[in-house]
Amino acid sequence: MQGKPRTMQEAPRYEDVTLEVAEHLAARLQACVAAGIAPESLAVDPGIGFGKQGAHNAQLLDDIAVLHGLGVPVVLGASRKGWIGALEAWPPAERLGGSLAAALAALERGVQILRVHDVAQTHQARLAWRALNHAV
């Protein structure tokens, strides 16, 4: 995120959100390994919704393959995020459809771990998505 939690949503700016997030995460991974944490114990999360506008979030999700190049699993937590609510002024409790769409888009792009609020519904959507895509 840019800024502090109180100000992170106030006009965040990126030249290339995907590149900047990837570079930041790569540096954090290096710091973790240098501190003695085994790489197989690490994962990265691009921080959907944290200091990013809707277009930034969409770009990060579209380009998520860049993060796979970091060599660790990718975690995505897009569930009930404000950018979903901003599409039609939905409150958090009414963002299931958008959350499922984001989760399936993430799975389609190879994200290994989803952080969700609606576990049963996301699991059902994932199973149906896999069946429709003939995934094993």
N, C-alpha and C. Protein backbone atom coordinates (compact mmCIF):
# COMPACT_ATOMS: atom_id res chain seq x y z
N MET A 1 0.84 -1.18 0.00
CA MET A 1 0.00 0.00 0.00
C MET A 1 0.88 1.24 0.00
N GLN A 2 0.33 2.30 -0.43
CA GLN A 2 1.02 3.58 -0.36
C GLN A 2 0.46 4.35 0.82
N GLY A 3 1.33 5.00 1.57
CA GLY A 3 0.87 5.78 2.71
C GLY A 3 0.56 4.91 3.91
N LYS A 4 -0.25 5.44 4.77
CA LYS A 4 -0.67 4.77 6.01
C LYS A 4 -2.09 4.23 5.81
N PRO A 5 -2.51 3.29 6.67
CA PRO A 5 -3.86 2.74 6.50
C PRO A 5 -4.96 3.81 6.40
N ARG A 6 -4.83 4.90 7.14
CA ARG A 6 -5.86 5.95 7.08
C ARG A 6 -5.88 6.70 5.75
N THR A 7 -4.74 6.76 5.07
CA THR A 7 -4.64 7.58 3.86
C THR A 7 -4.38 6.77 2.60
N MET A 8 -4.27 5.45 2.72
CA MET A 8 -3.85 4.64 1.58
C MET A 8 -4.78 4.73 0.38
N GLN A 9 -6.04 5.05 0.57
CA GLN A 9 -6.97 5.11 -0.55
C GLN A 9 -7.09 6.51 -1.15
N GLU A 10 -6.37 7.47 -0.61
CA GLU A 10 -6.43 8.85 -1.10
C GLU A 10 -5.49 9.03 -2.28
N ALA A 11 -6.01 8.85 -3.47
CA ALA A 11 -5.28 9.08 -4.71
C ALA A 11 -3.98 8.30 -4.84
N PRO A 12 -4.00 6.98 -4.68
CA PRO A 12 -2.76 6.23 -4.91
C PRO A 12 -2.33 6.36 -6.36
N ARG A 13 -1.01 6.41 -6.58
CA ARG A 13 -0.47 6.57 -7.94
C ARG A 13 0.59 5.52 -8.20
N TYR A 14 0.53 4.96 -9.38
CA TYR A 14 1.51 3.98 -9.83
C TYR A 14 1.84 4.26 -11.28
N GLU A 15 3.09 4.13 -11.64
CA GLU A 15 3.47 4.17 -13.05
C GLU A 15 3.03 2.85 -13.70
N ASP A 16 3.33 1.75 -13.01
CA ASP A 16 2.97 0.39 -13.45
C ASP A 16 2.70 -0.41 -12.19
N VAL A 17 1.43 -0.51 -11.82
CA VAL A 17 1.08 -1.13 -10.54
C VAL A 17 1.63 -2.55 -10.43
N THR A 18 1.56 -3.33 -11.49
CA THR A 18 2.02 -4.71 -11.42
C THR A 18 3.53 -4.78 -11.18
N LEU A 19 4.27 -4.01 -11.94
CA LEU A 19 5.73 -4.00 -11.79
C LEU A 19 6.14 -3.50 -10.40
N GLU A 20 5.51 -2.45 -9.93
CA GLU A 20 5.86 -1.90 -8.63
C GLU A 20 5.54 -2.87 -7.50
N VAL A 21 4.39 -3.53 -7.56
CA VAL A 21 4.03 -4.51 -6.54
C VAL A 21 4.98 -5.70 -6.62
N ALA A 22 5.28 -6.17 -7.82
CA ALA A 22 6.20 -7.32 -7.98
C ALA A 22 7.58 -6.99 -7.43
N GLU A 23 8.09 -5.81 -7.71
CA GLU A 23 9.40 -5.41 -7.20
C GLU A 23 9.41 -5.33 -5.68
N HIS A 24 8.35 -4.79 -5.12
CA HIS A 24 8.24 -4.69 -3.66
C HIS A 24 8.20 -6.09 -3.04
N LEU A 25 7.38 -6.98 -3.61
CA LEU A 25 7.28 -8.33 -3.08
C LEU A 25 8.58 -9.10 -3.23
N ALA A 26 9.28 -8.91 -4.33
CA ALA A 26 10.58 -9.57 -4.54
C ALA A 26 11.56 -9.13 -3.46
N ALA A 27 11.57 -7.86 -3.14
CA ALA A 27 12.47 -7.35 -2.10
C ALA A 27 12.09 -7.93 -0.73
N ARG A 28 10.80 -8.06 -0.46
CA ARG A 28 10.36 -8.61 0.82
C ARG A 28 10.72 -10.10 0.90
N LEU A 29 10.59 -10.81 -0.22
CA LEU A 29 10.98 -12.22 -0.23
C LEU A 29 12.47 -12.36 0.07
N GLN A 30 13.29 -11.53 -0.57
CA GLN A 30 14.73 -11.56 -0.32
C GLN A 30 15.03 -11.30 1.15
N ALA A 31 14.34 -10.34 1.74
CA ALA A 31 14.56 -10.03 3.15
C ALA A 31 14.16 -11.21 4.04
N CYS A 32 13.09 -11.87 3.69
CA CYS A 32 12.65 -13.04 4.47
C CYS A 32 13.67 -14.17 4.40
N VAL A 33 14.16 -14.45 3.19
CA VAL A 33 15.15 -15.51 3.02
C VAL A 33 16.44 -15.14 3.75
N ALA A 34 16.84 -13.87 3.65
CA ALA A 34 18.05 -13.41 4.35
C ALA A 34 17.90 -13.53 5.86
N ALA A 35 16.67 -13.45 6.36
CA ALA A 35 16.41 -13.58 7.79
C ALA A 35 16.29 -15.03 8.22
N GLY A 36 16.43 -15.96 7.26
CA GLY A 36 16.44 -17.37 7.61
C GLY A 36 15.14 -18.11 7.37
N ILE A 37 14.18 -17.48 6.74
CA ILE A 37 12.91 -18.15 6.44
C ILE A 37 13.07 -18.95 5.15
N ALA A 38 12.70 -20.20 5.20
CA ALA A 38 12.81 -21.06 4.02
C ALA A 38 11.84 -20.59 2.93
N PRO A 39 12.32 -20.51 1.68
CA PRO A 39 11.45 -20.05 0.59
C PRO A 39 10.16 -20.86 0.48
N GLU A 40 10.21 -22.16 0.79
CA GLU A 40 9.00 -22.98 0.68
C GLU A 40 7.98 -22.65 1.76
N SER A 41 8.34 -21.80 2.71
CA SER A 41 7.41 -21.35 3.75
C SER A 41 6.76 -20.01 3.41
N LEU A 42 7.08 -19.48 2.25
CA LEU A 42 6.63 -18.13 1.88
C LEU A 42 5.58 -18.15 0.78
N ALA A 43 4.78 -17.10 0.75
CA ALA A 43 3.81 -16.84 -0.31
C ALA A 43 3.72 -15.32 -0.44
N VAL A 44 3.20 -14.84 -1.56
CA VAL A 44 3.04 -13.41 -1.75
C VAL A 44 1.57 -13.07 -1.99
N ASP A 45 1.20 -11.88 -1.57
CA ASP A 45 -0.15 -11.37 -1.74
C ASP A 45 -0.03 -9.96 -2.30
N PRO A 46 -0.61 -9.69 -3.47
CA PRO A 46 -0.46 -8.37 -4.07
C PRO A 46 -1.23 -7.26 -3.36
N GLY A 47 -2.01 -7.59 -2.36
CA GLY A 47 -2.70 -6.55 -1.59
C GLY A 47 -3.84 -5.89 -2.33
N ILE A 48 -4.67 -6.70 -2.96
CA ILE A 48 -5.84 -6.15 -3.66
C ILE A 48 -6.62 -5.27 -2.69
N GLY A 49 -6.91 -4.05 -3.11
CA GLY A 49 -7.71 -3.13 -2.30
C GLY A 49 -6.92 -2.28 -1.32
N PHE A 50 -5.66 -2.59 -1.11
CA PHE A 50 -4.86 -1.82 -0.16
C PHE A 50 -4.05 -0.77 -0.90
N GLY A 51 -4.48 0.47 -0.83
CA GLY A 51 -3.79 1.55 -1.50
C GLY A 51 -3.88 1.45 -3.01
N LYS A 52 -5.00 0.93 -3.48
CA LYS A 52 -5.19 0.77 -4.92
C LYS A 52 -6.62 1.11 -5.29
N GLN A 53 -6.77 1.72 -6.45
CA GLN A 53 -8.09 2.01 -6.99
C GLN A 53 -8.58 0.80 -7.77
N GLY A 54 -9.83 0.83 -8.20
CA GLY A 54 -10.40 -0.28 -8.95
C GLY A 54 -9.59 -0.67 -10.17
N ALA A 55 -9.11 0.31 -10.92
CA ALA A 55 -8.31 0.01 -12.12
C ALA A 55 -6.99 -0.66 -11.74
N HIS A 56 -6.40 -0.26 -10.62
CA HIS A 56 -5.16 -0.90 -10.16
C HIS A 56 -5.43 -2.37 -9.83
N ASN A 57 -6.52 -2.62 -9.12
CA ASN A 57 -6.87 -3.99 -8.73
C ASN A 57 -7.11 -4.85 -9.97
N ALA A 58 -7.84 -4.32 -10.93
CA ALA A 58 -8.12 -5.06 -12.16
C ALA A 58 -6.83 -5.36 -12.91
N GLN A 59 -5.93 -4.39 -12.97
CA GLN A 59 -4.65 -4.59 -13.67
C GLN A 59 -3.81 -5.66 -12.97
N LEU A 60 -3.75 -5.58 -11.64
CA LEU A 60 -2.99 -6.58 -10.89
C LEU A 60 -3.54 -7.99 -11.14
N LEU A 61 -4.84 -8.11 -11.10
CA LEU A 61 -5.43 -9.43 -11.33
C LEU A 61 -5.17 -9.90 -12.75
N ASP A 62 -5.27 -9.01 -13.71
CA ASP A 62 -5.03 -9.38 -15.10
C ASP A 62 -3.58 -9.81 -15.32
N ASP A 63 -2.65 -9.17 -14.62
CA ASP A 63 -1.22 -9.43 -14.78
C ASP A 63 -0.64 -10.35 -13.70
N ILE A 64 -1.47 -11.06 -12.98
CA ILE A 64 -1.01 -11.83 -11.82
C ILE A 64 0.09 -12.83 -12.18
N ALA A 65 0.17 -13.24 -13.44
CA ALA A 65 1.21 -14.19 -13.86
C ALA A 65 2.61 -13.65 -13.56
N VAL A 66 2.77 -12.34 -13.55
CA VAL A 66 4.07 -11.74 -13.23
C VAL A 66 4.51 -12.19 -11.83
N LEU A 67 3.57 -12.28 -10.92
CA LEU A 67 3.92 -12.66 -9.55
C LEU A 67 4.31 -14.13 -9.45
N HIS A 68 3.82 -14.96 -10.37
CA HIS A 68 4.23 -16.37 -10.36
C HIS A 68 5.74 -16.49 -10.61
N GLY A 69 6.30 -15.50 -11.28
CA GLY A 69 7.74 -15.50 -11.54
C GLY A 69 8.59 -15.33 -10.29
N LEU A 70 7.96 -14.99 -9.17
CA LEU A 70 8.70 -14.84 -7.91
C LEU A 70 9.02 -16.18 -7.28
N GLY A 71 8.42 -17.25 -7.78
CA GLY A 71 8.76 -18.59 -7.33
C GLY A 71 8.10 -19.08 -6.06
N VAL A 72 7.09 -18.37 -5.59
CA VAL A 72 6.35 -18.80 -4.41
C VAL A 72 4.85 -18.73 -4.73
N PRO A 73 4.02 -19.43 -3.94
CA PRO A 73 2.58 -19.35 -4.20
C PRO A 73 2.06 -17.93 -4.10
N VAL A 74 1.00 -17.67 -4.87
CA VAL A 74 0.35 -16.37 -4.85
C VAL A 74 -0.98 -16.50 -4.10
N VAL A 75 -1.19 -15.59 -3.17
CA VAL A 75 -2.42 -15.51 -2.37
C VAL A 75 -3.21 -14.33 -2.91
N LEU A 76 -4.52 -14.50 -3.05
CA LEU A 76 -5.35 -13.36 -3.47
C LEU A 76 -6.53 -13.24 -2.52
N GLY A 77 -6.71 -12.06 -1.99
CA GLY A 77 -7.83 -11.76 -1.11
C GLY A 77 -8.66 -10.65 -1.71
N ALA A 78 -9.55 -10.99 -2.62
CA ALA A 78 -10.40 -9.98 -3.26
C ALA A 78 -11.83 -10.01 -2.72
N SER A 79 -12.11 -10.93 -1.82
CA SER A 79 -13.45 -11.14 -1.29
C SER A 79 -14.02 -9.90 -0.61
N ARG A 80 -15.19 -9.48 -1.08
CA ARG A 80 -15.97 -8.37 -0.51
C ARG A 80 -15.24 -7.03 -0.52
N LYS A 81 -14.23 -6.87 -1.33
CA LYS A 81 -13.45 -5.64 -1.34
C LYS A 81 -14.28 -4.44 -1.81
N GLY A 82 -13.84 -3.27 -1.41
CA GLY A 82 -14.53 -2.03 -1.75
C GLY A 82 -14.65 -1.78 -3.23
N TRP A 83 -13.66 -2.20 -4.02
CA TRP A 83 -13.74 -1.96 -5.46
C TRP A 83 -14.90 -2.74 -6.08
N ILE A 84 -15.26 -3.89 -5.49
CA ILE A 84 -16.44 -4.63 -5.96
C ILE A 84 -17.69 -3.84 -5.61
N GLY A 85 -17.75 -3.36 -4.39
CA GLY A 85 -18.89 -2.57 -3.96
C GLY A 85 -19.07 -1.30 -4.76
N ALA A 86 -17.97 -0.70 -5.19
CA ALA A 86 -18.04 0.55 -5.94
C ALA A 86 -18.65 0.38 -7.32
N LEU A 87 -18.70 -0.84 -7.82
CA LEU A 87 -19.28 -1.06 -9.15
C LEU A 87 -20.75 -0.70 -9.21
N GLU A 88 -21.47 -0.93 -8.10
CA GLU A 88 -22.91 -0.63 -8.04
C GLU A 88 -23.34 -0.18 -6.66
N ALA A 89 -22.43 0.30 -5.86
CA ALA A 89 -22.71 0.75 -4.49
C ALA A 89 -23.29 -0.37 -3.62
N TRP A 90 -22.70 -1.56 -3.74
CA TRP A 90 -23.13 -2.69 -2.92
C TRP A 90 -22.42 -2.66 -1.58
N PRO A 91 -23.15 -2.90 -0.48
CA PRO A 91 -22.49 -3.04 0.82
C PRO A 91 -21.75 -4.37 0.88
N PRO A 92 -20.82 -4.54 1.82
CA PRO A 92 -20.03 -5.77 1.88
C PRO A 92 -20.85 -7.06 1.85
N ALA A 93 -21.95 -7.11 2.55
CA ALA A 93 -22.76 -8.34 2.61
C ALA A 93 -23.39 -8.70 1.26
N GLU A 94 -23.39 -7.78 0.31
CA GLU A 94 -24.00 -8.02 -1.00
C GLU A 94 -22.97 -8.14 -2.12
N ARG A 95 -21.74 -8.51 -1.78
CA ARG A 95 -20.67 -8.59 -2.77
C ARG A 95 -20.26 -10.01 -3.12
N LEU A 96 -21.11 -10.99 -2.83
CA LEU A 96 -20.76 -12.38 -3.10
C LEU A 96 -20.51 -12.62 -4.58
N GLY A 97 -21.40 -12.15 -5.45
CA GLY A 97 -21.22 -12.38 -6.88
C GLY A 97 -19.90 -11.83 -7.40
N GLY A 98 -19.58 -10.61 -7.03
CA GLY A 98 -18.32 -10.01 -7.45
C GLY A 98 -17.12 -10.73 -6.85
N SER A 99 -17.26 -11.17 -5.61
CA SER A 99 -16.18 -11.92 -4.96
C SER A 99 -15.92 -13.24 -5.67
N LEU A 100 -17.00 -13.93 -6.06
CA LEU A 100 -16.85 -15.20 -6.78
C LEU A 100 -16.22 -14.97 -8.15
N ALA A 101 -16.64 -13.90 -8.84
CA ALA A 101 -16.05 -13.60 -10.15
C ALA A 101 -14.55 -13.35 -10.02
N ALA A 102 -14.17 -12.59 -9.00
CA ALA A 102 -12.74 -12.31 -8.79
C ALA A 102 -11.98 -13.59 -8.45
N ALA A 103 -12.58 -14.45 -7.62
CA ALA A 103 -11.93 -15.70 -7.24
C ALA A 103 -11.71 -16.59 -8.46
N LEU A 104 -12.73 -16.71 -9.31
CA LEU A 104 -12.60 -17.56 -10.50
C LEU A 104 -11.59 -16.98 -11.49
N ALA A 105 -11.58 -15.67 -11.62
CA ALA A 105 -10.58 -15.04 -12.50
C ALA A 105 -9.18 -15.30 -11.96
N ALA A 106 -9.02 -15.27 -10.64
CA ALA A 106 -7.72 -15.55 -10.03
C ALA A 106 -7.31 -17.00 -10.28
N LEU A 107 -8.24 -17.93 -10.10
CA LEU A 107 -7.93 -19.34 -10.35
C LEU A 107 -7.55 -19.57 -11.81
N GLU A 108 -8.26 -18.90 -12.69
CA GLU A 108 -7.97 -19.02 -14.13
C GLU A 108 -6.56 -18.55 -14.44
N ARG A 109 -6.06 -17.64 -13.64
CA ARG A 109 -4.71 -17.08 -13.85
C ARG A 109 -3.65 -17.78 -12.98
N GLY A 110 -4.04 -18.88 -12.35
CA GLY A 110 -3.06 -19.69 -11.63
C GLY A 110 -2.82 -19.37 -10.17
N VAL A 111 -3.63 -18.51 -9.58
CA VAL A 111 -3.47 -18.21 -8.16
C VAL A 111 -3.69 -19.48 -7.37
N GLN A 112 -2.78 -19.75 -6.43
CA GLN A 112 -2.83 -21.00 -5.67
C GLN A 112 -3.65 -20.92 -4.40
N ILE A 113 -3.76 -19.75 -3.80
CA ILE A 113 -4.46 -19.60 -2.51
C ILE A 113 -5.43 -18.43 -2.59
N LEU A 114 -6.67 -18.68 -2.20
CA LEU A 114 -7.67 -17.63 -2.13
C LEU A 114 -8.01 -17.35 -0.68
N ARG A 115 -8.10 -16.08 -0.33
CA ARG A 115 -8.58 -15.68 0.99
C ARG A 115 -9.99 -15.17 0.77
N VAL A 116 -10.96 -15.85 1.39
CA VAL A 116 -12.37 -15.52 1.13
C VAL A 116 -13.16 -15.43 2.42
N HIS A 117 -14.30 -14.77 2.33
CA HIS A 117 -15.25 -14.72 3.43
C HIS A 117 -16.26 -15.85 3.32
N ASP A 118 -16.71 -16.11 2.11
CA ASP A 118 -17.80 -17.06 1.86
C ASP A 118 -17.21 -18.37 1.37
N VAL A 119 -16.72 -19.17 2.30
CA VAL A 119 -15.96 -20.37 1.98
C VAL A 119 -16.80 -21.39 1.19
N ALA A 120 -17.97 -21.73 1.68
CA ALA A 120 -18.78 -22.77 1.02
C ALA A 120 -19.15 -22.36 -0.40
N GLN A 121 -19.56 -21.12 -0.59
CA GLN A 121 -19.96 -20.65 -1.91
C GLN A 121 -18.77 -20.59 -2.86
N THR A 122 -17.62 -20.17 -2.35
CA THR A 122 -16.42 -20.12 -3.19
C THR A 122 -15.97 -21.53 -3.56
N HIS A 123 -16.06 -22.45 -2.63
CA HIS A 123 -15.71 -23.85 -2.90
C HIS A 123 -16.63 -24.40 -3.99
N GLN A 124 -17.92 -24.14 -3.88
CA GLN A 124 -18.87 -24.62 -4.89
C GLN A 124 -18.56 -24.01 -6.25
N ALA A 125 -18.29 -22.72 -6.29
CA ALA A 125 -17.97 -22.05 -7.55
C ALA A 125 -16.69 -22.62 -8.15
N ARG A 126 -15.69 -22.91 -7.30
CA ARG A 126 -14.43 -23.49 -7.78
C ARG A 126 -14.66 -24.88 -8.36
N LEU A 127 -15.46 -25.69 -7.69
CA LEU A 127 -15.74 -27.04 -8.20
C LEU A 127 -16.46 -26.98 -9.55
N ALA A 128 -17.45 -26.09 -9.66
CA ALA A 128 -18.16 -25.94 -10.93
C ALA A 128 -17.23 -25.41 -12.01
N TRP A 129 -16.40 -24.46 -11.68
CA TRP A 129 -15.44 -23.90 -12.65
C TRP A 129 -14.51 -24.99 -13.14
N ARG A 130 -14.00 -25.81 -12.23
CA ARG A 130 -13.10 -26.90 -12.62
C ARG A 130 -13.82 -27.90 -13.52
N ALA A 131 -15.06 -28.24 -13.17
CA ALA A 131 -15.82 -29.20 -13.98
C ALA A 131 -16.07 -28.63 -15.38
N LEU A 132 -16.39 -27.36 -15.47
CA LEU A 132 -16.65 -26.73 -16.76
C LEU A 132 -15.39 -26.64 -17.61
N ASN A 133 -14.25 -26.56 -16.96
CA ASN A 133 -12.98 -26.45 -17.66
C ASN A 133 -12.26 -27.79 -17.78
N HIS A 134 -12.94 -28.86 -17.39
CA HIS A 134 -12.39 -30.21 -17.47
C HIS A 134 -11.06 -30.33 -16.75
N ALA A 135 -10.90 -29.54 -15.68
CA ALA A 135 -9.67 -29.60 -14.90
C ALA A 135 -9.69 -30.84 -14.02
N VAL A 136 -8.53 -31.34 -13.74
CA VAL A 136 -8.41 -32.50 -12.86
C VAL A 136 -7.96 -32.07 -11.50
